[in-house]
N, C-alpha and C. Protein backbone atom coordinates (compact mmCIF):
# COMPACT_ATOMS: atom_id res chain seq x y z
N MET A 1 -2.12 -3.27 18.29
CA MET A 1 -1.12 -2.88 17.08
C MET A 1 0.12 -2.58 17.64
N CYS A 2 1.02 -2.59 16.69
CA CYS A 2 2.33 -2.30 16.95
C CYS A 2 2.89 -1.38 15.95
N GLY A 3 3.25 -0.05 16.31
CA GLY A 3 3.43 0.96 15.41
C GLY A 3 4.95 1.45 15.59
N ARG A 4 5.71 1.06 16.71
CA ARG A 4 7.07 1.52 16.73
C ARG A 4 7.79 0.35 17.60
N ALA A 5 9.07 0.34 17.42
CA ALA A 5 9.85 -0.71 18.03
C ALA A 5 11.36 -0.12 18.26
N THR A 6 12.08 -0.91 19.05
CA THR A 6 13.49 -0.51 19.46
C THR A 6 14.38 -1.78 19.16
N LEU A 7 15.56 -1.42 18.85
CA LEU A 7 16.69 -2.61 18.81
C LEU A 7 18.08 -1.78 19.17
N THR A 8 18.47 -1.93 20.43
CA THR A 8 19.45 -1.15 20.89
C THR A 8 20.80 -1.99 21.35
N VAL A 9 20.57 -3.27 21.46
CA VAL A 9 21.56 -4.13 21.88
C VAL A 9 22.68 -4.35 20.89
N SER A 10 23.79 -4.83 21.23
CA SER A 10 24.96 -4.95 20.51
C SER A 10 24.79 -6.05 19.43
N THR A 11 25.60 -6.04 18.45
CA THR A 11 25.51 -7.05 17.42
C THR A 11 26.04 -8.43 18.06
N ASP A 12 27.01 -8.34 18.90
CA ASP A 12 27.50 -9.54 19.71
C ASP A 12 26.53 -10.30 20.39
N GLU A 13 25.58 -9.48 21.04
CA GLU A 13 24.32 -10.09 21.76
C GLU A 13 23.31 -10.79 20.75
N LEU A 14 23.10 -9.92 19.79
CA LEU A 14 22.28 -10.54 18.70
C LEU A 14 22.73 -11.76 18.14
N ARG A 15 24.00 -11.84 17.81
CA ARG A 15 24.71 -12.99 17.31
C ARG A 15 24.58 -14.27 18.22
N GLU A 16 24.75 -13.85 19.39
CA GLU A 16 24.67 -15.05 20.46
C GLU A 16 23.21 -15.69 20.78
N ILE A 17 22.34 -14.65 20.95
CA ILE A 17 20.96 -14.99 21.22
C ILE A 17 20.24 -15.64 20.09
N PHE A 18 20.38 -15.17 18.83
CA PHE A 18 19.69 -15.62 17.76
C PHE A 18 20.70 -16.59 16.81
N GLU A 19 21.89 -16.89 17.28
CA GLU A 19 22.83 -17.70 16.72
C GLU A 19 22.93 -17.42 15.17
N LEU A 20 23.38 -15.97 15.00
CA LEU A 20 23.48 -15.46 13.79
C LEU A 20 24.77 -15.60 13.17
N GLU A 21 25.00 -15.89 11.89
CA GLU A 21 26.19 -15.93 11.25
C GLU A 21 26.39 -14.57 10.37
N GLU A 22 25.24 -14.13 10.00
CA GLU A 22 25.33 -12.95 9.13
C GLU A 22 24.34 -11.92 9.60
N LEU A 23 24.78 -10.79 9.65
CA LEU A 23 23.96 -9.50 10.03
C LEU A 23 24.50 -8.25 9.45
N PRO A 24 23.66 -7.35 8.98
CA PRO A 24 24.22 -6.11 8.66
C PRO A 24 24.62 -5.18 9.74
N ALA A 25 25.46 -4.23 9.39
CA ALA A 25 25.83 -3.16 10.45
C ALA A 25 24.61 -2.28 10.73
N MET A 26 24.21 -2.21 12.04
CA MET A 26 23.14 -1.55 12.44
C MET A 26 23.44 -0.67 13.68
N PRO A 27 23.16 0.65 13.51
CA PRO A 27 23.26 1.52 14.68
C PRO A 27 22.15 1.16 15.75
N PRO A 28 22.29 1.52 17.06
CA PRO A 28 21.19 1.40 17.89
C PRO A 28 19.90 2.15 17.47
N ARG A 29 18.79 1.56 17.52
CA ARG A 29 17.47 2.27 17.14
C ARG A 29 16.59 2.39 18.25
N PHE A 30 16.08 3.52 18.59
CA PHE A 30 15.10 3.82 19.62
C PHE A 30 13.72 4.10 19.20
N ASN A 31 13.68 4.10 17.93
CA ASN A 31 12.36 4.58 17.38
C ASN A 31 12.22 4.16 15.95
N ILE A 32 12.17 2.78 15.90
CA ILE A 32 11.92 2.24 14.40
C ILE A 32 10.37 2.48 14.05
N ALA A 33 10.21 3.08 12.89
CA ALA A 33 8.84 3.43 12.63
C ALA A 33 8.49 2.78 11.28
N PRO A 34 7.30 2.54 10.83
CA PRO A 34 6.81 2.00 9.64
C PRO A 34 7.62 2.66 8.43
N SER A 35 7.88 1.94 7.51
CA SER A 35 8.59 2.25 6.23
C SER A 35 10.11 2.23 6.51
N GLN A 36 10.50 2.32 7.54
CA GLN A 36 12.01 2.19 8.04
C GLN A 36 12.43 0.75 7.95
N PRO A 37 13.76 0.45 7.84
CA PRO A 37 14.39 -0.94 7.84
C PRO A 37 14.05 -1.74 9.31
N LEU A 38 13.38 -2.83 9.13
CA LEU A 38 12.93 -3.67 10.16
C LEU A 38 13.83 -4.99 10.08
N PRO A 39 14.53 -5.22 11.31
CA PRO A 39 15.57 -6.42 11.36
C PRO A 39 14.58 -7.78 11.36
N ILE A 40 14.80 -8.63 10.57
CA ILE A 40 14.02 -9.85 10.46
C ILE A 40 15.02 -10.96 10.28
N ILE A 41 14.42 -12.13 10.54
CA ILE A 41 15.11 -13.42 10.23
C ILE A 41 14.09 -14.43 9.72
N ARG A 42 14.40 -14.78 8.34
CA ARG A 42 13.50 -15.72 7.66
C ARG A 42 14.27 -17.04 7.44
N THR A 43 15.64 -16.89 7.51
CA THR A 43 16.34 -18.19 7.28
C THR A 43 17.29 -18.08 8.67
N PRO A 44 17.37 -19.23 9.39
CA PRO A 44 18.11 -19.31 10.55
C PRO A 44 19.51 -18.99 10.29
N GLY A 45 20.09 -18.08 11.16
CA GLY A 45 21.47 -17.71 11.15
C GLY A 45 21.67 -16.47 10.25
N THR A 46 20.59 -15.98 9.68
CA THR A 46 20.80 -14.71 8.90
C THR A 46 19.79 -13.66 9.18
N LEU A 47 20.33 -12.50 9.73
CA LEU A 47 19.38 -11.29 9.92
C LEU A 47 19.56 -10.31 8.79
N GLU A 48 18.40 -9.92 8.23
CA GLU A 48 18.30 -9.00 7.25
C GLU A 48 17.39 -7.85 7.61
N LEU A 49 17.54 -6.74 6.81
CA LEU A 49 16.60 -5.57 6.94
C LEU A 49 15.81 -5.47 5.87
N LEU A 50 14.47 -5.42 6.09
CA LEU A 50 13.40 -5.11 5.11
C LEU A 50 12.59 -3.97 5.49
N PRO A 51 11.95 -3.28 4.56
CA PRO A 51 11.19 -2.10 5.02
C PRO A 51 9.99 -2.49 5.82
N TRP A 52 9.64 -1.88 6.90
CA TRP A 52 8.53 -2.24 7.58
C TRP A 52 7.21 -1.73 6.95
N GLY A 53 6.39 -2.61 6.42
CA GLY A 53 5.38 -2.38 5.73
C GLY A 53 5.48 -2.57 4.14
N THR A 54 4.43 -2.42 3.35
CA THR A 54 4.25 -2.50 2.01
C THR A 54 4.03 -1.18 1.40
N LYS A 55 4.63 -0.73 0.37
CA LYS A 55 4.24 0.63 -0.46
C LYS A 55 2.99 0.47 -1.07
N GLU A 56 2.80 -0.67 -1.63
CA GLU A 56 1.32 -0.77 -2.36
C GLU A 56 0.27 -0.92 -1.47
N ARG A 57 0.23 -1.49 -0.16
CA ARG A 57 -0.92 -1.68 0.54
C ARG A 57 -0.83 -0.98 1.94
N ARG A 58 0.26 -0.36 2.14
CA ARG A 58 0.41 0.34 3.57
C ARG A 58 0.12 -0.51 4.80
N VAL A 59 0.53 -1.84 4.68
CA VAL A 59 0.18 -2.74 5.77
C VAL A 59 1.44 -2.81 6.61
N ILE A 60 1.37 -2.51 7.83
CA ILE A 60 2.45 -2.71 8.83
C ILE A 60 2.23 -3.72 9.84
N ASN A 61 0.93 -4.16 10.13
CA ASN A 61 0.54 -5.17 11.01
C ASN A 61 -0.52 -6.09 10.28
N VAL A 62 -0.29 -7.30 10.77
CA VAL A 62 -1.35 -8.46 10.18
C VAL A 62 -1.76 -9.18 11.28
N ARG A 63 -3.18 -9.42 11.43
CA ARG A 63 -3.71 -10.15 12.46
C ARG A 63 -3.22 -11.65 12.28
N LEU A 64 -3.04 -12.12 13.60
CA LEU A 64 -2.67 -13.47 13.73
C LEU A 64 -3.61 -14.54 13.10
N GLU A 65 -5.06 -14.08 13.21
CA GLU A 65 -6.05 -14.98 12.64
C GLU A 65 -5.97 -14.98 11.16
N ARG A 66 -5.43 -13.98 10.42
CA ARG A 66 -5.30 -13.93 9.08
C ARG A 66 -3.76 -14.19 8.46
N ALA A 67 -2.84 -14.46 9.42
CA ALA A 67 -1.43 -14.68 9.05
C ALA A 67 -1.37 -15.93 8.26
N THR A 68 -0.41 -15.77 7.26
CA THR A 68 -0.21 -17.06 6.42
C THR A 68 0.43 -18.21 7.21
N THR A 69 0.11 -19.42 6.82
CA THR A 69 0.56 -20.67 7.42
C THR A 69 1.79 -21.02 6.57
N LYS A 70 1.89 -20.53 5.45
CA LYS A 70 3.14 -20.89 4.57
C LYS A 70 4.42 -20.48 5.17
N PRO A 71 5.21 -21.59 5.46
CA PRO A 71 6.62 -21.35 6.19
C PRO A 71 7.34 -20.13 5.33
N GLY A 72 7.32 -20.06 4.01
CA GLY A 72 8.03 -19.13 3.27
C GLY A 72 7.65 -17.71 3.51
N GLY A 73 6.48 -17.47 3.93
CA GLY A 73 5.98 -16.08 4.14
C GLY A 73 6.26 -15.71 5.62
N ARG A 74 6.78 -16.43 6.44
CA ARG A 74 6.97 -16.27 7.85
C ARG A 74 8.31 -15.62 8.07
N CYS A 75 8.51 -14.74 9.18
CA CYS A 75 9.81 -14.38 9.66
C CYS A 75 9.76 -14.05 11.07
N LEU A 76 10.78 -13.93 11.82
CA LEU A 76 10.95 -13.24 13.05
C LEU A 76 11.34 -11.90 13.05
N VAL A 77 10.71 -11.00 13.73
CA VAL A 77 11.07 -9.62 13.80
C VAL A 77 11.98 -9.62 15.15
N VAL A 78 13.19 -9.04 14.97
CA VAL A 78 14.01 -8.99 16.13
C VAL A 78 13.98 -7.61 16.68
N VAL A 79 13.62 -7.40 17.89
CA VAL A 79 13.49 -6.12 18.54
C VAL A 79 14.02 -6.39 20.00
N ASP A 80 14.21 -5.38 20.70
CA ASP A 80 14.33 -5.47 22.27
C ASP A 80 13.31 -4.49 22.96
N GLY A 81 12.43 -4.01 22.18
CA GLY A 81 11.20 -3.28 22.72
C GLY A 81 10.28 -2.79 21.80
N PHE A 82 9.08 -2.42 22.26
CA PHE A 82 8.13 -1.84 21.38
C PHE A 82 7.19 -0.89 22.11
N TYR A 83 6.61 -0.09 21.45
CA TYR A 83 5.52 0.95 22.19
C TYR A 83 4.21 0.57 21.80
N GLU A 84 3.38 0.83 22.75
CA GLU A 84 1.95 0.76 22.53
C GLU A 84 1.33 2.08 23.06
N TRP A 85 0.40 2.67 22.51
CA TRP A 85 -0.32 3.84 22.71
C TRP A 85 -1.70 3.57 23.53
N ARG A 86 -1.91 4.01 24.76
CA ARG A 86 -3.25 4.02 25.35
C ARG A 86 -4.12 4.57 24.39
N ASP A 87 -5.35 3.73 24.18
CA ASP A 87 -6.41 4.16 23.28
C ASP A 87 -7.14 5.41 23.86
N THR A 88 -7.20 5.66 24.99
CA THR A 88 -8.06 6.68 25.70
C THR A 88 -7.42 7.92 25.60
N ASP A 89 -6.14 8.07 25.80
CA ASP A 89 -5.30 9.43 25.70
C ASP A 89 -4.30 9.47 24.84
N LYS A 90 -4.07 8.41 24.16
CA LYS A 90 -2.83 8.28 23.29
C LYS A 90 -1.51 8.54 24.02
N GLN A 91 -1.39 8.02 25.26
CA GLN A 91 -0.07 8.07 26.09
C GLN A 91 0.68 7.02 25.59
N PRO A 92 1.99 7.16 25.11
CA PRO A 92 2.80 6.04 24.72
C PRO A 92 3.39 5.21 25.87
N PHE A 93 3.51 3.90 25.72
CA PHE A 93 4.13 3.04 26.75
C PHE A 93 5.25 2.37 26.14
N TYR A 94 6.19 2.04 26.85
CA TYR A 94 7.43 1.34 26.29
C TYR A 94 7.34 -0.14 26.94
N PHE A 95 7.37 -1.03 26.17
CA PHE A 95 7.47 -2.65 26.74
C PHE A 95 8.83 -3.13 26.32
N HIS A 96 9.50 -3.93 27.27
CA HIS A 96 10.77 -4.46 27.06
C HIS A 96 10.81 -5.63 28.02
N ARG A 97 11.77 -6.47 27.78
CA ARG A 97 12.07 -7.50 28.83
C ARG A 97 12.73 -6.88 29.86
N VAL A 98 12.51 -7.42 31.18
CA VAL A 98 13.12 -7.01 32.35
C VAL A 98 14.66 -7.12 32.31
N ASP A 99 15.14 -8.13 31.55
CA ASP A 99 16.48 -8.42 31.47
C ASP A 99 17.24 -7.77 30.46
N GLY A 100 16.46 -6.74 29.75
CA GLY A 100 16.94 -6.00 28.50
C GLY A 100 17.47 -6.94 27.29
N LYS A 101 17.07 -8.11 27.19
CA LYS A 101 17.54 -8.97 26.14
C LYS A 101 16.61 -8.83 24.97
N PRO A 102 17.29 -8.92 23.77
CA PRO A 102 16.32 -8.91 22.51
C PRO A 102 15.42 -10.06 22.48
N PHE A 103 14.26 -9.98 21.79
CA PHE A 103 13.26 -11.02 21.54
C PHE A 103 12.61 -11.02 20.21
N ALA A 104 11.79 -11.97 20.00
CA ALA A 104 11.31 -12.03 18.48
C ALA A 104 9.81 -11.82 18.53
N LEU A 105 9.31 -11.11 17.56
CA LEU A 105 7.91 -10.95 17.27
C LEU A 105 7.59 -11.80 16.11
N GLY A 106 6.40 -12.44 15.95
CA GLY A 106 5.95 -13.01 14.79
C GLY A 106 5.81 -12.01 13.77
N GLY A 107 6.37 -12.36 12.54
CA GLY A 107 6.27 -11.36 11.35
C GLY A 107 5.88 -12.21 10.12
N VAL A 108 5.42 -11.55 9.01
CA VAL A 108 5.27 -12.00 7.77
C VAL A 108 6.11 -11.20 6.64
N VAL A 109 6.47 -11.83 5.61
CA VAL A 109 7.14 -11.08 4.58
C VAL A 109 6.02 -10.80 3.46
N MET A 110 5.74 -9.75 3.01
CA MET A 110 4.91 -9.39 1.94
C MET A 110 5.67 -8.61 0.92
N GLY A 111 5.79 -9.11 -0.33
CA GLY A 111 6.52 -8.58 -1.28
C GLY A 111 7.95 -8.24 -0.85
N GLU A 112 8.27 -6.91 -0.80
CA GLU A 112 9.82 -6.49 -0.51
C GLU A 112 9.63 -5.81 0.95
N GLY A 113 8.63 -6.07 1.56
CA GLY A 113 8.57 -5.56 3.00
C GLY A 113 8.13 -6.58 4.00
N ALA A 114 8.09 -6.31 5.22
CA ALA A 114 7.62 -7.00 6.35
C ALA A 114 6.51 -6.55 7.06
N ALA A 115 5.69 -7.27 7.77
CA ALA A 115 4.90 -6.67 8.91
C ALA A 115 4.77 -7.53 10.02
N ILE A 116 4.51 -6.99 11.05
CA ILE A 116 4.31 -7.47 12.54
C ILE A 116 3.04 -8.11 12.68
N VAL A 117 2.97 -9.30 13.06
CA VAL A 117 1.86 -10.06 13.52
C VAL A 117 1.20 -9.64 14.80
N THR A 118 -0.18 -9.35 14.85
CA THR A 118 -0.67 -8.99 16.26
C THR A 118 -1.66 -9.95 16.52
N SER A 119 -1.84 -10.01 17.86
CA SER A 119 -2.65 -11.04 18.52
C SER A 119 -3.65 -10.24 19.59
N ASN A 120 -4.53 -11.19 20.13
CA ASN A 120 -5.32 -10.48 21.17
C ASN A 120 -4.43 -10.15 22.30
N PRO A 121 -4.75 -9.12 22.99
CA PRO A 121 -3.95 -8.49 24.11
C PRO A 121 -4.01 -9.40 25.38
N LEU A 122 -2.88 -9.50 25.96
CA LEU A 122 -2.79 -10.14 27.42
C LEU A 122 -2.86 -9.15 28.46
N THR A 123 -3.00 -9.58 29.66
CA THR A 123 -2.92 -8.64 30.76
C THR A 123 -1.70 -7.94 30.80
N GLY A 124 -1.79 -6.63 30.99
CA GLY A 124 -0.58 -5.67 30.85
C GLY A 124 -0.63 -4.91 29.61
N ILE A 125 -1.26 -5.42 28.56
CA ILE A 125 -1.47 -4.56 27.28
C ILE A 125 -3.05 -4.32 27.09
N VAL A 126 -3.90 -5.20 27.57
CA VAL A 126 -5.30 -5.26 27.20
C VAL A 126 -5.86 -3.88 27.84
N GLU A 127 -5.14 -3.36 29.02
CA GLU A 127 -5.60 -2.21 29.56
C GLU A 127 -5.43 -0.89 28.70
N LEU A 128 -4.45 -1.05 27.70
CA LEU A 128 -4.01 0.05 26.85
C LEU A 128 -4.69 0.02 25.42
N HIS A 129 -4.56 -1.30 24.99
CA HIS A 129 -4.94 -1.47 23.49
C HIS A 129 -5.69 -2.69 23.38
N ASP A 130 -6.38 -2.90 22.12
CA ASP A 130 -7.09 -4.10 21.88
C ASP A 130 -6.31 -5.12 21.02
N ARG A 131 -5.11 -4.84 20.72
CA ARG A 131 -4.31 -5.72 20.05
C ARG A 131 -2.82 -5.54 20.69
N MET A 132 -1.96 -6.66 20.32
CA MET A 132 -0.55 -6.51 20.75
C MET A 132 0.31 -7.29 19.75
N PRO A 133 1.49 -6.96 19.69
CA PRO A 133 2.46 -7.80 18.77
C PRO A 133 2.56 -9.30 19.33
N LEU A 134 2.64 -10.30 18.40
CA LEU A 134 2.80 -11.59 18.78
C LEU A 134 4.18 -11.87 19.35
N ILE A 135 4.37 -11.80 20.64
CA ILE A 135 5.58 -11.87 21.20
C ILE A 135 5.90 -13.38 21.45
N LEU A 136 7.03 -13.99 20.78
CA LEU A 136 7.23 -15.48 20.73
C LEU A 136 8.31 -15.69 21.78
N ALA A 137 7.94 -16.77 22.56
CA ALA A 137 9.00 -17.34 23.44
C ALA A 137 9.98 -18.04 22.63
N THR A 138 11.23 -18.18 23.03
CA THR A 138 12.30 -18.81 22.32
C THR A 138 11.92 -20.21 21.70
N PRO A 139 11.31 -21.01 22.40
CA PRO A 139 10.95 -22.21 21.92
C PRO A 139 10.01 -22.32 20.62
N ASP A 140 9.29 -21.16 20.61
CA ASP A 140 8.32 -21.02 19.57
C ASP A 140 8.81 -20.36 18.26
N TRP A 141 10.23 -19.97 18.26
CA TRP A 141 10.72 -19.42 17.08
C TRP A 141 10.58 -20.26 15.98
N SER A 142 11.13 -21.45 15.98
CA SER A 142 11.06 -22.54 14.95
C SER A 142 9.64 -22.94 14.60
N ARG A 143 8.80 -22.93 15.60
CA ARG A 143 7.29 -23.38 15.35
C ARG A 143 6.77 -22.15 14.47
N TRP A 144 6.91 -21.03 14.92
CA TRP A 144 6.39 -19.98 14.00
C TRP A 144 6.89 -20.01 12.55
N LEU A 145 8.23 -20.02 12.31
CA LEU A 145 8.74 -20.22 11.10
C LEU A 145 8.28 -21.47 10.21
N ALA A 146 7.90 -22.38 10.90
CA ALA A 146 7.23 -23.64 10.26
C ALA A 146 5.90 -23.56 9.89
N GLY A 147 5.23 -22.55 10.36
CA GLY A 147 3.81 -22.28 9.98
C GLY A 147 2.76 -22.41 11.16
N ASP A 148 3.33 -23.00 12.26
CA ASP A 148 2.38 -22.96 13.48
C ASP A 148 2.04 -21.61 13.89
N LYS A 149 1.00 -21.52 14.86
CA LYS A 149 0.46 -20.26 15.36
C LYS A 149 0.41 -20.40 16.84
N PRO A 150 1.88 -20.28 17.55
CA PRO A 150 1.87 -20.30 18.93
C PRO A 150 1.24 -19.03 19.68
N ASP A 151 0.91 -19.25 21.03
CA ASP A 151 0.47 -18.24 21.86
C ASP A 151 1.38 -17.12 22.02
N ALA A 152 1.00 -15.98 22.25
CA ALA A 152 1.88 -14.87 22.61
C ALA A 152 2.30 -14.90 24.09
N THR A 153 3.32 -14.37 24.52
CA THR A 153 3.62 -14.35 25.88
C THR A 153 4.06 -12.86 26.21
N LEU A 154 3.97 -12.59 27.64
CA LEU A 154 4.38 -11.30 28.15
C LEU A 154 5.14 -11.65 29.50
N GLU A 155 5.51 -12.85 29.56
CA GLU A 155 6.24 -13.32 30.73
C GLU A 155 7.75 -12.62 30.73
N GLY A 156 7.98 -12.06 31.86
CA GLY A 156 9.42 -11.48 32.02
C GLY A 156 9.41 -10.12 31.29
N PHE A 157 8.21 -9.42 30.93
CA PHE A 157 8.23 -8.02 30.54
C PHE A 157 7.79 -6.96 31.50
N GLU A 158 8.16 -5.66 31.19
CA GLU A 158 7.69 -4.69 31.97
C GLU A 158 7.35 -3.54 31.06
N SER A 159 6.64 -2.58 31.45
CA SER A 159 6.46 -1.47 30.64
C SER A 159 6.09 -0.25 31.66
N PHE A 160 6.31 0.99 30.89
CA PHE A 160 6.18 2.29 31.66
C PHE A 160 5.89 3.36 30.61
N PRO A 161 5.15 4.36 31.11
CA PRO A 161 4.91 5.43 30.09
C PRO A 161 6.15 6.19 29.68
N VAL A 162 6.30 6.75 28.55
CA VAL A 162 7.29 7.58 27.97
C VAL A 162 6.77 8.76 27.39
N SER A 163 7.60 9.77 27.05
CA SER A 163 7.15 11.01 26.56
C SER A 163 6.63 10.88 25.18
N SER A 164 5.82 11.81 24.68
CA SER A 164 5.30 11.85 23.30
C SER A 164 6.49 12.09 22.31
N PHE A 165 7.79 12.42 22.83
CA PHE A 165 8.83 12.49 22.04
C PHE A 165 8.95 11.34 21.12
N VAL A 166 8.58 10.24 21.42
CA VAL A 166 8.58 9.29 20.54
C VAL A 166 7.55 9.16 19.32
N ASN A 167 6.48 10.04 19.50
CA ASN A 167 5.44 10.07 18.48
C ASN A 167 6.05 10.61 16.98
N SER A 168 7.21 11.29 17.04
CA SER A 168 7.85 11.59 15.69
C SER A 168 8.95 10.75 15.33
N PRO A 169 8.70 10.07 14.11
CA PRO A 169 9.81 9.17 13.77
C PRO A 169 11.19 9.76 13.36
N LYS A 170 11.10 11.05 13.61
CA LYS A 170 12.59 11.93 13.37
C LYS A 170 13.28 11.76 14.52
N ASN A 171 12.82 11.48 15.76
CA ASN A 171 13.35 11.40 17.03
C ASN A 171 13.70 9.93 17.19
N ASP A 172 15.20 9.82 17.45
CA ASP A 172 15.62 8.30 17.44
C ASP A 172 16.78 8.23 18.43
N ASP A 173 16.72 8.57 19.53
CA ASP A 173 17.78 8.53 20.68
C ASP A 173 17.12 8.03 21.97
N PRO A 174 18.05 7.90 23.04
CA PRO A 174 17.48 7.48 24.36
C PRO A 174 16.31 8.05 24.93
N ARG A 175 16.13 9.26 24.57
CA ARG A 175 14.88 10.00 25.19
C ARG A 175 13.65 9.19 24.89
N CYS A 176 13.58 8.70 23.77
CA CYS A 176 12.35 7.93 23.40
C CYS A 176 12.06 6.77 24.37
N ILE A 177 12.99 6.12 25.11
CA ILE A 177 12.75 5.19 26.09
C ILE A 177 12.85 5.61 27.36
N ALA A 178 12.98 6.88 27.75
CA ALA A 178 13.23 7.43 29.13
C ALA A 178 11.74 7.40 29.89
N PRO A 179 11.70 6.85 31.01
CA PRO A 179 10.48 6.79 31.76
C PRO A 179 10.08 8.14 32.01
N LEU A 180 8.75 8.45 32.03
CA LEU A 180 8.19 9.78 32.46
C LEU A 180 8.34 9.91 33.99
N ALA A 181 8.73 11.14 34.42
CA ALA A 181 8.94 11.31 35.81
C ALA A 181 7.70 11.18 36.67
């Protein structure tokens, strides 16, 4: 499951990596929580913000096995990191690319909101949780938007434990991603 995310890179970097023509003004986010604006791409070249989840069903994650295959219901969720909590003791861990670059998660648009698609966990997450966000390799972005179901990847990622400071959605600053001593 994915319940929090980050997007702290510059708009110039987002423009370059995702070949964006349009994107809203966005401050760095260290603790994007459900119900808050989630940066998505459903049309190549355009980044938009949709609420994370739906008010009527309170859905923030959708299993890959149940995700729509209709291209119109698909989106890329643009982040540069996400958090997973270890099931046994609820310790939060921060996952991000080693190079610090943003990446895309599989997403679906539901009504006026969006949800992150989850898949079976890979080594590195399976030790913490029984699901993980569908992290898409760059060549799979267009395949996902077209309705395919590519495999998740964790290649080039690292993780480390962080403070429970991230547990409150009111906290949204670099302390959220600071490694525990």
